[in-house]
């Protein structure tokens, strides 16, 4: 019997506390059920859920493009720290991949996860020990080795 994504996430959160980067990436294509699973996990474990696109967009409205690239890591850290929790669910992280912001999304998430368990929804797939975001010809395309990454995946994310 297949384990639900909610149950996968809950199970892996417990193991994340022992890792250097307390980061769990929940990988799947858009519309696959990550947000629903996040809501279920949030209710079950009483964890806050942040819509990263919304929070960072609001925080960067008055900034120039250059200032946005410089301030994004700090804004993201402050947003996560404001939850005052040991763990946080980050949904809608697409803004982190915006090429005009010149960020490494995985590195940002790893930095956040040093002091807080971060569970992030990753729109992409896992193939041949690599995690990808977007298609290779897309400007926001990213590809990382799965080595040392804790991952929960939707059915069909491979």
C-alpha atoms as a PDB file:
ATOM      1  CA  UNK A   1       0.000   0.000   0.000  1.00  0.00           C
ATOM      2  CA  UNK A   2       1.337   3.433  -0.946  1.00  0.00           C
ATOM      3  CA  UNK A   3       2.127   5.867   1.857  1.00  0.00           C
ATOM      4  CA  UNK A   4       0.358   9.211   1.507  1.00  0.00           C
ATOM      5  CA  UNK A   5       2.466  12.298   0.882  1.00  0.00           C
ATOM      6  CA  UNK A   6       1.285  13.719   4.214  1.00  0.00           C
ATOM      7  CA  UNK A   7       2.517  10.598   6.039  1.00  0.00           C
ATOM      8  CA  UNK A   8       5.822  10.655   4.116  1.00  0.00           C
ATOM      9  CA  UNK A   9       6.409  14.263   5.156  1.00  0.00           C
ATOM     10  CA  UNK A  10       5.539  13.659   8.821  1.00  0.00           C
ATOM     11  CA  UNK A  11       7.836  10.634   8.942  1.00  0.00           C
ATOM     12  CA  UNK A  12      10.758  12.461   7.328  1.00  0.00           C
ATOM     13  CA  UNK A  13      10.390  15.582   9.504  1.00  0.00           C
ATOM     14  CA  UNK A  14      11.309  13.475  12.517  1.00  0.00           C
ATOM     15  CA  UNK A  15      14.536  12.345  10.830  1.00  0.00           C
ATOM     16  CA  UNK A  16      15.437  15.850   9.655  1.00  0.00           C
ATOM     17  CA  UNK A  17      16.262  17.005  13.199  1.00  0.00           C
ATOM     18  CA  UNK A  18      19.433  14.891  13.110  1.00  0.00           C
ATOM     19  CA  UNK A  19      20.799  16.397   9.897  1.00  0.00           C
ATOM     20  CA  UNK A  20      23.235  19.274   9.376  1.00  0.00           C
ATOM     21  CA  UNK A  21      20.760  20.886   6.980  1.00  0.00           C
ATOM     22  CA  UNK A  22      17.325  20.295   8.464  1.00  0.00           C
ATOM     23  CA  UNK A  23      15.776  20.574   5.014  1.00  0.00           C
ATOM     24  CA  UNK A  24      13.097  18.385   3.484  1.00  0.00           C
ATOM     25  CA  UNK A  25      12.215  18.993  -0.154  1.00  0.00           C
ATOM     26  CA  UNK A  26       8.777  17.804  -1.219  1.00  0.00           C
ATOM     27  CA  UNK A  27       9.146  17.194  -4.935  1.00  0.00           C
ATOM     28  CA  UNK A  28       6.374  17.014  -7.484  1.00  0.00           C
ATOM     29  CA  UNK A  29       4.858  18.716 -10.469  1.00  0.00           C
ATOM     30  CA  UNK A  30       2.515  21.687 -10.190  1.00  0.00           C
ATOM     31  CA  UNK A  31      -0.994  20.584  -9.246  1.00  0.00           C
ATOM     32  CA  UNK A  32       0.207  17.305  -7.782  1.00  0.00           C
ATOM     33  CA  UNK A  33      -1.058  17.827  -4.235  1.00  0.00           C
ATOM     34  CA  UNK A  34       1.890  19.373  -2.385  1.00  0.00           C
ATOM     35  CA  UNK A  35      -0.143  22.274  -0.979  1.00  0.00           C
ATOM     36  CA  UNK A  36      -2.901  19.958   0.242  1.00  0.00           C
ATOM     37  CA  UNK A  37      -0.312  17.729   1.917  1.00  0.00           C
ATOM     38  CA  UNK A  38       1.297  20.824   3.492  1.00  0.00           C
ATOM     39  CA  UNK A  39      -2.071  21.923   4.907  1.00  0.00           C
ATOM     40  CA  UNK A  40      -2.605  18.438   6.342  1.00  0.00           C
ATOM     41  CA  UNK A  41       0.891  18.352   7.871  1.00  0.00           C
ATOM     42  CA  UNK A  42       0.441  21.870   9.249  1.00  0.00           C
ATOM     43  CA  UNK A  43      -2.809  20.900  10.937  1.00  0.00           C
ATOM     44  CA  UNK A  44      -1.478  17.585  12.240  1.00  0.00           C
ATOM     45  CA  UNK A  45       1.794  18.979  13.648  1.00  0.00           C
ATOM     46  CA  UNK A  46       0.636  22.558  14.254  1.00  0.00           C
ATOM     47  CA  UNK A  47       3.275  23.980  11.909  1.00  0.00           C
ATOM     48  CA  UNK A  48       3.078  27.377  10.222  1.00  0.00           C
ATOM     49  CA  UNK A  49       2.850  27.465   6.424  1.00  0.00           C
ATOM     50  CA  UNK A  50       4.307  30.377   4.476  1.00  0.00           C
ATOM     51  CA  UNK A  51       3.409  31.338   0.921  1.00  0.00           C
ATOM     52  CA  UNK A  52       6.937  32.452  -0.036  1.00  0.00           C
ATOM     53  CA  UNK A  53       5.895  34.164  -3.287  1.00  0.00           C
ATOM     54  CA  UNK A  54       3.363  36.317  -1.469  1.00  0.00           C
ATOM     55  CA  UNK A  55       5.511  37.208   1.536  1.00  0.00           C
ATOM     56  CA  UNK A  56       8.646  38.083  -0.433  1.00  0.00           C
ATOM     57  CA  UNK A  57       6.740  39.961  -3.137  1.00  0.00           C
ATOM     58  CA  UNK A  58       5.113  42.155  -0.490  1.00  0.00           C
ATOM     59  CA  UNK A  59       8.453  42.709   1.233  1.00  0.00           C
ATOM     60  CA  UNK A  60      10.198  43.730  -1.988  1.00  0.00           C
ATOM     61  CA  UNK A  61       7.558  46.061  -3.459  1.00  0.00           C
ATOM     62  CA  UNK A  62       9.415  49.276  -2.646  1.00  0.00           C
ATOM     63  CA  UNK A  63      12.894  47.963  -3.537  1.00  0.00           C
ATOM     64  CA  UNK A  64      14.852  48.418  -6.752  1.00  0.00           C
ATOM     65  CA  UNK A  65      15.852  45.316  -8.731  1.00  0.00           C
ATOM     66  CA  UNK A  66      19.372  45.481  -7.297  1.00  0.00           C
ATOM     67  CA  UNK A  67      18.069  45.903  -3.745  1.00  0.00           C
ATOM     68  CA  UNK A  68      15.739  42.945  -4.220  1.00  0.00           C
ATOM     69  CA  UNK A  69      18.635  40.651  -5.086  1.00  0.00           C
ATOM     70  CA  UNK A  70      20.588  41.867  -2.061  1.00  0.00           C
ATOM     71  CA  UNK A  71      17.711  41.828   0.457  1.00  0.00           C
ATOM     72  CA  UNK A  72      15.950  38.600  -0.541  1.00  0.00           C
ATOM     73  CA  UNK A  73      17.961  36.261   1.745  1.00  0.00           C
ATOM     74  CA  UNK A  74      17.400  38.564   4.732  1.00  0.00           C
ATOM     75  CA  UNK A  75      13.671  38.954   3.990  1.00  0.00           C
ATOM     76  CA  UNK A  76      13.265  35.190   3.692  1.00  0.00           C
ATOM     77  CA  UNK A  77      15.152  34.589   6.946  1.00  0.00           C
ATOM     78  CA  UNK A  78      13.071  37.207   8.800  1.00  0.00           C
ATOM     79  CA  UNK A  79       9.849  35.714   7.434  1.00  0.00           C
ATOM     80  CA  UNK A  80      10.818  32.239   8.641  1.00  0.00           C
ATOM     81  CA  UNK A  81      12.128  33.491  12.005  1.00  0.00           C
ATOM     82  CA  UNK A  82       8.876  35.397  12.619  1.00  0.00           C
ATOM     83  CA  UNK A  83       7.078  32.052  12.981  1.00  0.00           C
ATOM     84  CA  UNK A  84       9.088  31.342  16.168  1.00  0.00           C
ATOM     85  CA  UNK A  85       8.809  27.630  15.519  1.00  0.00           C
ATOM     86  CA  UNK A  86      11.171  24.683  15.283  1.00  0.00           C
ATOM     87  CA  UNK A  87       9.786  23.834  11.848  1.00  0.00           C
ATOM     88  CA  UNK A  88       8.093  25.664   8.992  1.00  0.00           C
ATOM     89  CA  UNK A  89       6.372  24.707   5.733  1.00  0.00           C
ATOM     90  CA  UNK A  90       7.399  26.811   2.711  1.00  0.00           C
ATOM     91  CA  UNK A  91       4.978  26.663  -0.196  1.00  0.00           C
ATOM     92  CA  UNK A  92       5.065  28.520  -3.526  1.00  0.00           C
ATOM     93  CA  UNK A  93       8.829  29.091  -3.612  1.00  0.00           C
ATOM     94  CA  UNK A  94       8.989  29.929  -7.327  1.00  0.00           C
ATOM     95  CA  UNK A  95      10.170  33.493  -6.656  1.00  0.00           C
ATOM     96  CA  UNK A  96      13.478  32.085  -5.389  1.00  0.00           C
ATOM     97  CA  UNK A  97      14.196  30.877  -8.938  1.00  0.00           C
ATOM     98  CA  UNK A  98      13.570  34.263 -10.596  1.00  0.00           C
ATOM     99  CA  UNK A  99      16.739  34.902 -12.609  1.00  0.00           C
ATOM    100  CA  UNK A 100      16.608  38.665 -11.980  1.00  0.00           C
ATOM    101  CA  UNK A 101      17.117  37.957  -8.246  1.00  0.00           C
ATOM    102  CA  UNK A 102      20.378  36.068  -8.891  1.00  0.00           C
ATOM    103  CA  UNK A 103      19.943  33.515  -6.099  1.00  0.00           C
ATOM    104  CA  UNK A 104      20.763  29.851  -5.610  1.00  0.00           C
ATOM    105  CA  UNK A 105      17.424  28.548  -4.289  1.00  0.00           C
ATOM    106  CA  UNK A 106      18.792  25.336  -2.793  1.00  0.00           C
ATOM    107  CA  UNK A 107      21.579  27.194  -1.000  1.00  0.00           C
ATOM    108  CA  UNK A 108      19.047  29.700   0.422  1.00  0.00           C
ATOM    109  CA  UNK A 109      16.899  26.861   1.748  1.00  0.00           C
ATOM    110  CA  UNK A 110      19.914  25.066   3.196  1.00  0.00           C
ATOM    111  CA  UNK A 111      21.052  28.221   5.012  1.00  0.00           C
ATOM    112  CA  UNK A 112      17.568  28.642   6.505  1.00  0.00           C
ATOM    113  CA  UNK A 113      17.538  25.035   7.643  1.00  0.00           C
ATOM    114  CA  UNK A 114      20.522  25.302   9.968  1.00  0.00           C
ATOM    115  CA  UNK A 115      18.381  26.541  12.863  1.00  0.00           C
ATOM    116  CA  UNK A 116      14.869  25.606  11.761  1.00  0.00           C
ATOM    117  CA  UNK A 117      13.511  22.482  10.097  1.00  0.00           C
ATOM    118  CA  UNK A 118      12.406  23.693   6.664  1.00  0.00           C
ATOM    119  CA  UNK A 119       9.929  21.703   4.584  1.00  0.00           C
ATOM    120  CA  UNK A 120       9.797  23.234   1.102  1.00  0.00           C
ATOM    121  CA  UNK A 121       7.539  22.439  -1.860  1.00  0.00           C
ATOM    122  CA  UNK A 122       9.757  21.943  -4.930  1.00  0.00           C
ATOM    123  CA  UNK A 123       8.034  22.033  -8.317  1.00  0.00           C
ATOM    124  CA  UNK A 124      10.110  19.619 -10.320  1.00  0.00           C
ATOM    125  CA  UNK A 125      11.246  16.053 -10.599  1.00  0.00           C
ATOM    126  CA  UNK A 126      13.906  13.564  -9.553  1.00  0.00           C
ATOM    127  CA  UNK A 127      15.771  11.623 -12.217  1.00  0.00           C
ATOM    128  CA  UNK A 128      19.071   9.735 -12.102  1.00  0.00           C
ATOM    129  CA  UNK A 129      20.016  11.006  -8.629  1.00  0.00           C
ATOM    130  CA  UNK A 130      19.325  14.618  -9.596  1.00  0.00           C
ATOM    131  CA  UNK A 131      16.580  16.985  -8.602  1.00  0.00           C
ATOM    132  CA  UNK A 132      15.462  19.467 -11.244  1.00  0.00           C
ATOM    133  CA  UNK A 133      13.385  22.604 -11.390  1.00  0.00           C
ATOM    134  CA  UNK A 134      11.867  23.591 -14.757  1.00  0.00           C
ATOM    135  CA  UNK A 135      12.860  22.184 -18.148  1.00  0.00           C
ATOM    136  CA  UNK A 136      16.464  22.405 -19.441  1.00  0.00           C
ATOM    137  CA  UNK A 137      15.643  25.119 -22.004  1.00  0.00           C
ATOM    138  CA  UNK A 138      13.807  27.300 -19.441  1.00  0.00           C
ATOM    139  CA  UNK A 139      15.772  30.302 -18.040  1.00  0.00           C
ATOM    140  CA  UNK A 140      14.994  29.264 -14.436  1.00  0.00           C
ATOM    141  CA  UNK A 141      16.169  25.678 -14.940  1.00  0.00           C
ATOM    142  CA  UNK A 142      18.144  24.237 -12.020  1.00  0.00           C
ATOM    143  CA  UNK A 143      19.635  20.797 -11.517  1.00  0.00           C
ATOM    144  CA  UNK A 144      21.185  19.548  -8.283  1.00  0.00           C
ATOM    145  CA  UNK A 145      22.606  16.249  -7.096  1.00  0.00           C
ATOM    146  CA  UNK A 146      20.311  14.550  -4.603  1.00  0.00           C
ATOM    147  CA  UNK A 147      23.350  13.657  -2.455  1.00  0.00           C
ATOM    148  CA  UNK A 148      22.767  14.755   1.175  1.00  0.00           C
ATOM    149  CA  UNK A 149      19.213  15.925   0.441  1.00  0.00           C
ATOM    150  CA  UNK A 150      16.173  14.662   2.291  1.00  0.00           C
ATOM    151  CA  UNK A 151      13.343  14.274  -0.214  1.00  0.00           C
ATOM    152  CA  UNK A 152       9.702  13.250  -0.172  1.00  0.00           C
ATOM    153  CA  UNK A 153       8.172  12.856  -3.601  1.00  0.00           C
ATOM    154  CA  UNK A 154       4.770  12.698  -5.158  1.00  0.00           C
ATOM    155  CA  UNK A 155       3.919   9.668  -7.217  1.00  0.00           C
ATOM    156  CA  UNK A 156       5.100  10.420 -10.748  1.00  0.00           C
ATOM    157  CA  UNK A 157       7.854  12.844  -9.645  1.00  0.00           C
ATOM    158  CA  UNK A 158      10.442  10.438 -11.048  1.00  0.00           C
END
